[in-house]
Structures are given as C-alpha cells and as structure tokens.
C-alpha cells in the first residue's frame, strides 16, 4: 500500500514531467533550463544514433532548442512507473 509520502513524491515527479513537456512544447527555454541541474547529463542515443552524450544545462537546452527549431511538438505522457530508493527515483513514462 502506498504511503502519503510516496504518493506525494510520485505527484511531485509527475508535476515536474508535466512542466518539462510544457516547456518543450511552448519552447520556453528558460523554464526548461530551470528544471535541470547545472551538471545534467543527457543520453538519448541508442549507441547507434550518432547523438553524443551531452553534459551541462546550457549544452542540453541548446541541443534541444536546435533539434526542435521549426518543429511543432505536443508531448503526451502516460502513467509513470516509479521506483523509489531513498532519495533516488527511477521513472519510466510511456510516450
């Protein structure tokens, strides 16, 4: 059974994901940057995609901004699968 703390954490993670999607879809790069740690590491490649691992908030936001130039996006995410271990969370969202 879920505890109130667990439910609150899942809700906060879901809200952060919603803010991330909204920032991308509205191209609000400042809001997107505000959701990231300064030392973020982003790896969206599958090993063969030719997309490098990016480090640092400015590099990550800059890359996303470049990739989405001229694109219209409408992110739709569904119920997350959340695994909490102390102060670390692993979350998978179907898109």
N, C-alpha and C. Protein backbone atom coordinates (compact mmCIF):
# COMPACT_ATOMS: atom_id res chain seq x y z
N UNK A 1 0.84 -1.18 0.00
CA UNK A 1 0.00 0.00 0.00
C UNK A 1 0.89 1.24 0.00
N UNK A 2 0.48 2.22 -0.75
CA UNK A 2 1.25 3.47 -0.85
C UNK A 2 1.07 4.32 0.39
N UNK A 3 2.16 4.93 0.81
CA UNK A 3 2.11 5.85 1.94
C UNK A 3 1.87 7.26 1.43
N UNK A 4 1.41 8.16 2.28
CA UNK A 4 1.25 9.55 1.83
C UNK A 4 2.53 10.16 1.28
N UNK A 5 3.68 9.85 1.89
CA UNK A 5 4.95 10.38 1.40
C UNK A 5 5.25 9.86 -0.01
N UNK A 6 5.01 8.58 -0.24
CA UNK A 6 5.23 8.00 -1.56
C UNK A 6 4.32 8.65 -2.59
N UNK A 7 3.05 8.80 -2.25
CA UNK A 7 2.10 9.42 -3.18
C UNK A 7 2.49 10.87 -3.48
N UNK A 8 2.94 11.59 -2.47
CA UNK A 8 3.38 12.97 -2.67
C UNK A 8 4.59 13.03 -3.59
N UNK A 9 5.53 12.12 -3.41
CA UNK A 9 6.73 12.09 -4.25
C UNK A 9 6.36 11.78 -5.70
N UNK A 10 5.49 10.80 -5.90
CA UNK A 10 5.05 10.47 -7.26
C UNK A 10 4.34 11.66 -7.90
N UNK A 11 3.52 12.36 -7.12
CA UNK A 11 2.83 13.54 -7.63
C UNK A 11 3.84 14.63 -8.02
N UNK A 12 4.83 14.87 -7.19
CA UNK A 12 5.84 15.89 -7.49
C UNK A 12 6.64 15.53 -8.74
N UNK A 13 6.98 14.26 -8.90
CA UNK A 13 7.68 13.82 -10.11
C UNK A 13 6.81 14.01 -11.35
N UNK A 14 5.53 13.69 -11.22
CA UNK A 14 4.60 13.86 -12.35
C UNK A 14 4.45 15.32 -12.72
N UNK A 15 4.41 16.20 -11.73
CA UNK A 15 4.32 17.63 -12.00
C UNK A 15 5.58 18.14 -12.70
N UNK A 16 6.73 17.66 -12.28
CA UNK A 16 7.99 18.06 -12.93
C UNK A 16 7.99 17.61 -14.39
N UNK A 17 7.53 16.40 -14.66
CA UNK A 17 7.47 15.90 -16.04
C UNK A 17 6.50 16.74 -16.86
N UNK A 18 5.36 17.10 -16.28
CA UNK A 18 4.39 17.95 -16.99
C UNK A 18 4.99 19.31 -17.31
N UNK A 19 5.74 19.88 -16.39
CA UNK A 19 6.39 21.18 -16.63
C UNK A 19 7.44 21.05 -17.74
N UNK A 20 8.17 19.94 -17.75
CA UNK A 20 9.17 19.67 -18.79
C UNK A 20 8.50 19.61 -20.16
N UNK A 21 7.42 18.85 -20.27
CA UNK A 21 6.72 18.72 -21.55
C UNK A 21 6.16 20.07 -22.01
N UNK A 22 5.56 20.81 -21.08
CA UNK A 22 5.00 22.11 -21.43
C UNK A 22 6.10 23.07 -21.88
N UNK A 23 7.22 23.08 -21.19
CA UNK A 23 8.32 23.97 -21.56
C UNK A 23 8.82 23.65 -22.96
N UNK A 24 8.95 22.37 -23.29
CA UNK A 24 9.40 21.99 -24.62
C UNK A 24 8.35 22.37 -25.67
N UNK A 25 7.10 22.05 -25.41
CA UNK A 25 6.05 22.30 -26.40
C UNK A 25 5.81 23.79 -26.64
N UNK A 26 6.05 24.62 -25.63
CA UNK A 26 5.88 26.06 -25.80
C UNK A 26 7.20 26.75 -26.12
N UNK A 27 8.26 25.94 -26.21
CA UNK A 27 9.61 26.45 -26.49
C UNK A 27 10.02 27.53 -25.49
N UNK A 28 9.71 27.27 -24.23
CA UNK A 28 10.09 28.15 -23.13
C UNK A 28 11.42 27.63 -22.58
N UNK A 29 12.50 28.04 -23.23
CA UNK A 29 13.83 27.50 -22.92
C UNK A 29 14.30 27.87 -21.52
N UNK A 30 13.90 29.02 -21.04
CA UNK A 30 14.27 29.43 -19.68
C UNK A 30 13.60 28.51 -18.65
N UNK A 31 12.31 28.22 -18.86
CA UNK A 31 11.61 27.31 -17.95
C UNK A 31 12.22 25.92 -18.01
N UNK A 32 12.57 25.47 -19.21
CA UNK A 32 13.19 24.16 -19.36
C UNK A 32 14.51 24.10 -18.60
N UNK A 33 15.33 25.12 -18.76
CA UNK A 33 16.61 25.17 -18.05
C UNK A 33 16.39 25.15 -16.54
N UNK A 34 15.35 25.81 -16.08
CA UNK A 34 15.06 25.85 -14.65
C UNK A 34 14.70 24.50 -14.05
N UNK A 35 14.36 23.55 -14.89
CA UNK A 35 14.02 22.20 -14.43
C UNK A 35 15.23 21.28 -14.35
N UNK A 36 16.38 21.77 -14.82
CA UNK A 36 17.56 20.93 -14.92
C UNK A 36 18.63 21.34 -13.92
N UNK A 37 19.36 20.34 -13.43
CA UNK A 37 20.53 20.62 -12.60
C UNK A 37 21.64 21.17 -13.49
N UNK A 38 22.48 22.04 -12.97
CA UNK A 38 23.57 22.60 -13.79
C UNK A 38 24.47 21.54 -14.40
N UNK A 39 24.63 20.41 -13.71
CA UNK A 39 25.53 19.36 -14.19
C UNK A 39 24.80 18.18 -14.84
N UNK A 40 23.63 18.45 -15.41
CA UNK A 40 22.83 17.40 -16.04
C UNK A 40 23.66 16.65 -17.09
N UNK A 41 23.39 15.36 -17.21
CA UNK A 41 23.95 14.52 -18.26
C UNK A 41 22.78 13.93 -19.01
N UNK A 42 22.72 14.16 -20.34
CA UNK A 42 21.61 13.65 -21.14
C UNK A 42 22.15 12.70 -22.20
N UNK A 43 21.62 11.48 -22.20
CA UNK A 43 22.00 10.46 -23.18
C UNK A 43 20.72 9.95 -23.81
N UNK A 44 20.41 10.42 -25.01
CA UNK A 44 19.20 9.99 -25.71
C UNK A 44 19.50 9.05 -26.86
N UNK A 45 20.76 8.73 -27.05
CA UNK A 45 21.14 7.84 -28.14
C UNK A 45 20.95 6.39 -27.75
N UNK A 46 20.93 5.55 -28.76
CA UNK A 46 20.83 4.11 -28.51
C UNK A 46 22.15 3.42 -28.83
N UNK A 47 23.21 4.21 -28.89
CA UNK A 47 24.51 3.67 -29.22
C UNK A 47 24.82 3.74 -30.71
N UNK A 48 23.79 3.88 -31.52
CA UNK A 48 23.97 3.93 -32.97
C UNK A 48 23.37 5.19 -33.59
N UNK A 49 22.77 6.01 -32.78
CA UNK A 49 22.02 7.16 -33.32
C UNK A 49 22.92 8.33 -33.70
N UNK A 50 24.16 8.30 -33.30
CA UNK A 50 25.06 9.40 -33.62
C UNK A 50 24.83 10.63 -32.76
N UNK A 51 24.02 10.49 -31.72
CA UNK A 51 23.76 11.62 -30.83
C UNK A 51 24.72 11.49 -29.65
N UNK A 52 25.55 12.50 -29.41
CA UNK A 52 26.52 12.40 -28.31
C UNK A 52 25.84 12.52 -26.96
N UNK A 53 26.50 12.04 -25.93
CA UNK A 53 26.07 12.30 -24.56
C UNK A 53 26.38 13.76 -24.29
N UNK A 54 25.40 14.48 -23.79
CA UNK A 54 25.55 15.92 -23.53
C UNK A 54 25.67 16.16 -22.03
N UNK A 55 26.55 17.07 -21.66
CA UNK A 55 26.71 17.42 -20.25
C UNK A 55 26.56 18.92 -20.08
N UNK A 56 25.92 19.30 -18.99
CA UNK A 56 25.74 20.72 -18.67
C UNK A 56 24.42 21.25 -19.19
N UNK A 57 23.75 22.02 -18.35
CA UNK A 57 22.43 22.56 -18.66
C UNK A 57 22.42 23.37 -19.95
N UNK A 58 23.38 24.25 -20.14
CA UNK A 58 23.39 25.08 -21.35
C UNK A 58 23.52 24.23 -22.61
N UNK A 59 24.36 23.20 -22.57
CA UNK A 59 24.53 22.32 -23.73
C UNK A 59 23.26 21.53 -24.02
N UNK A 60 22.63 21.03 -22.97
CA UNK A 60 21.42 20.22 -23.16
C UNK A 60 20.29 21.09 -23.72
N UNK A 61 20.04 22.23 -23.10
CA UNK A 61 18.96 23.11 -23.59
C UNK A 61 19.28 23.59 -25.01
N UNK A 62 20.53 23.91 -25.27
CA UNK A 62 20.91 24.35 -26.62
C UNK A 62 20.66 23.27 -27.66
N UNK A 63 20.98 22.03 -27.33
CA UNK A 63 20.76 20.93 -28.27
C UNK A 63 19.27 20.72 -28.52
N UNK A 64 18.48 20.71 -27.46
CA UNK A 64 17.03 20.52 -27.62
C UNK A 64 16.46 21.66 -28.45
N UNK A 65 16.89 22.85 -28.17
CA UNK A 65 16.42 24.02 -28.92
C UNK A 65 16.76 23.88 -30.41
N UNK A 66 17.97 23.43 -30.72
CA UNK A 66 18.37 23.23 -32.11
C UNK A 66 17.55 22.13 -32.77
N UNK A 67 17.39 21.02 -32.07
CA UNK A 67 16.64 19.90 -32.64
C UNK A 67 15.20 20.27 -32.95
N UNK A 68 14.62 21.18 -32.14
CA UNK A 68 13.19 21.49 -32.30
C UNK A 68 12.94 22.77 -33.11
N UNK A 69 13.99 23.38 -33.63
CA UNK A 69 13.79 24.58 -34.44
C UNK A 69 12.88 24.24 -35.61
N UNK A 70 11.79 24.98 -35.73
CA UNK A 70 10.84 24.77 -36.82
C UNK A 70 9.86 23.64 -36.59
N UNK A 71 9.98 22.93 -35.49
CA UNK A 71 9.09 21.80 -35.22
C UNK A 71 7.96 22.21 -34.29
N UNK A 72 6.82 21.59 -34.46
CA UNK A 72 5.72 21.72 -33.53
C UNK A 72 5.63 20.41 -32.77
N UNK A 73 5.61 20.50 -31.44
CA UNK A 73 5.54 19.30 -30.63
C UNK A 73 4.31 19.34 -29.73
N UNK A 74 3.84 18.17 -29.36
CA UNK A 74 2.72 18.03 -28.43
C UNK A 74 2.97 16.76 -27.62
N UNK A 75 3.78 16.91 -26.58
CA UNK A 75 4.13 15.76 -25.76
C UNK A 75 2.90 15.22 -25.03
N UNK A 76 2.76 13.93 -25.04
CA UNK A 76 1.71 13.26 -24.29
C UNK A 76 2.38 12.12 -23.52
N UNK A 77 2.32 12.20 -22.22
CA UNK A 77 2.91 11.16 -21.39
C UNK A 77 1.80 10.49 -20.60
N UNK A 78 2.06 9.27 -20.21
CA UNK A 78 1.02 8.48 -19.57
C UNK A 78 1.46 8.10 -18.16
N UNK A 79 0.77 7.22 -17.54
CA UNK A 79 1.04 6.85 -16.16
C UNK A 79 2.49 6.42 -15.97
N UNK A 80 3.18 7.04 -15.02
CA UNK A 80 4.59 6.68 -14.82
C UNK A 80 4.75 5.40 -14.02
N UNK A 81 5.84 4.73 -14.28
CA UNK A 81 6.29 3.61 -13.46
C UNK A 81 7.41 4.16 -12.59
N UNK A 82 7.18 4.22 -11.28
CA UNK A 82 8.11 4.89 -10.36
C UNK A 82 8.70 3.87 -9.39
N UNK A 83 10.02 3.91 -9.28
CA UNK A 83 10.73 3.08 -8.31
C UNK A 83 11.57 4.01 -7.45
N UNK A 84 11.23 4.10 -6.17
CA UNK A 84 11.95 4.98 -5.25
C UNK A 84 12.89 4.15 -4.39
N UNK A 85 14.10 4.68 -4.22
CA UNK A 85 15.09 4.04 -3.36
C UNK A 85 15.80 5.15 -2.60
N UNK A 86 15.35 5.41 -1.41
CA UNK A 86 15.91 6.51 -0.62
C UNK A 86 15.61 7.84 -1.28
N UNK A 87 16.66 8.60 -1.59
CA UNK A 87 16.45 9.90 -2.23
C UNK A 87 16.66 9.83 -3.73
N UNK A 88 16.63 8.64 -4.30
CA UNK A 88 16.79 8.46 -5.74
C UNK A 88 15.52 7.85 -6.32
N UNK A 89 15.13 8.33 -7.50
CA UNK A 89 13.95 7.80 -8.18
C UNK A 89 14.33 7.37 -9.59
N UNK A 90 13.78 6.27 -9.99
CA UNK A 90 13.88 5.83 -11.38
C UNK A 90 12.46 5.82 -11.91
N UNK A 91 12.26 6.58 -12.98
CA UNK A 91 10.90 6.74 -13.50
C UNK A 91 10.89 6.46 -15.00
N UNK A 92 9.90 5.70 -15.43
CA UNK A 92 9.68 5.44 -16.86
C UNK A 92 8.31 5.96 -17.21
N UNK A 93 8.25 6.82 -18.25
CA UNK A 93 6.98 7.33 -18.75
C UNK A 93 6.80 6.84 -20.18
N UNK A 94 5.67 6.21 -20.44
CA UNK A 94 5.32 5.87 -21.82
C UNK A 94 4.90 7.14 -22.51
N UNK A 95 5.37 7.28 -23.77
CA UNK A 95 5.03 8.48 -24.55
C UNK A 95 4.41 8.04 -25.86
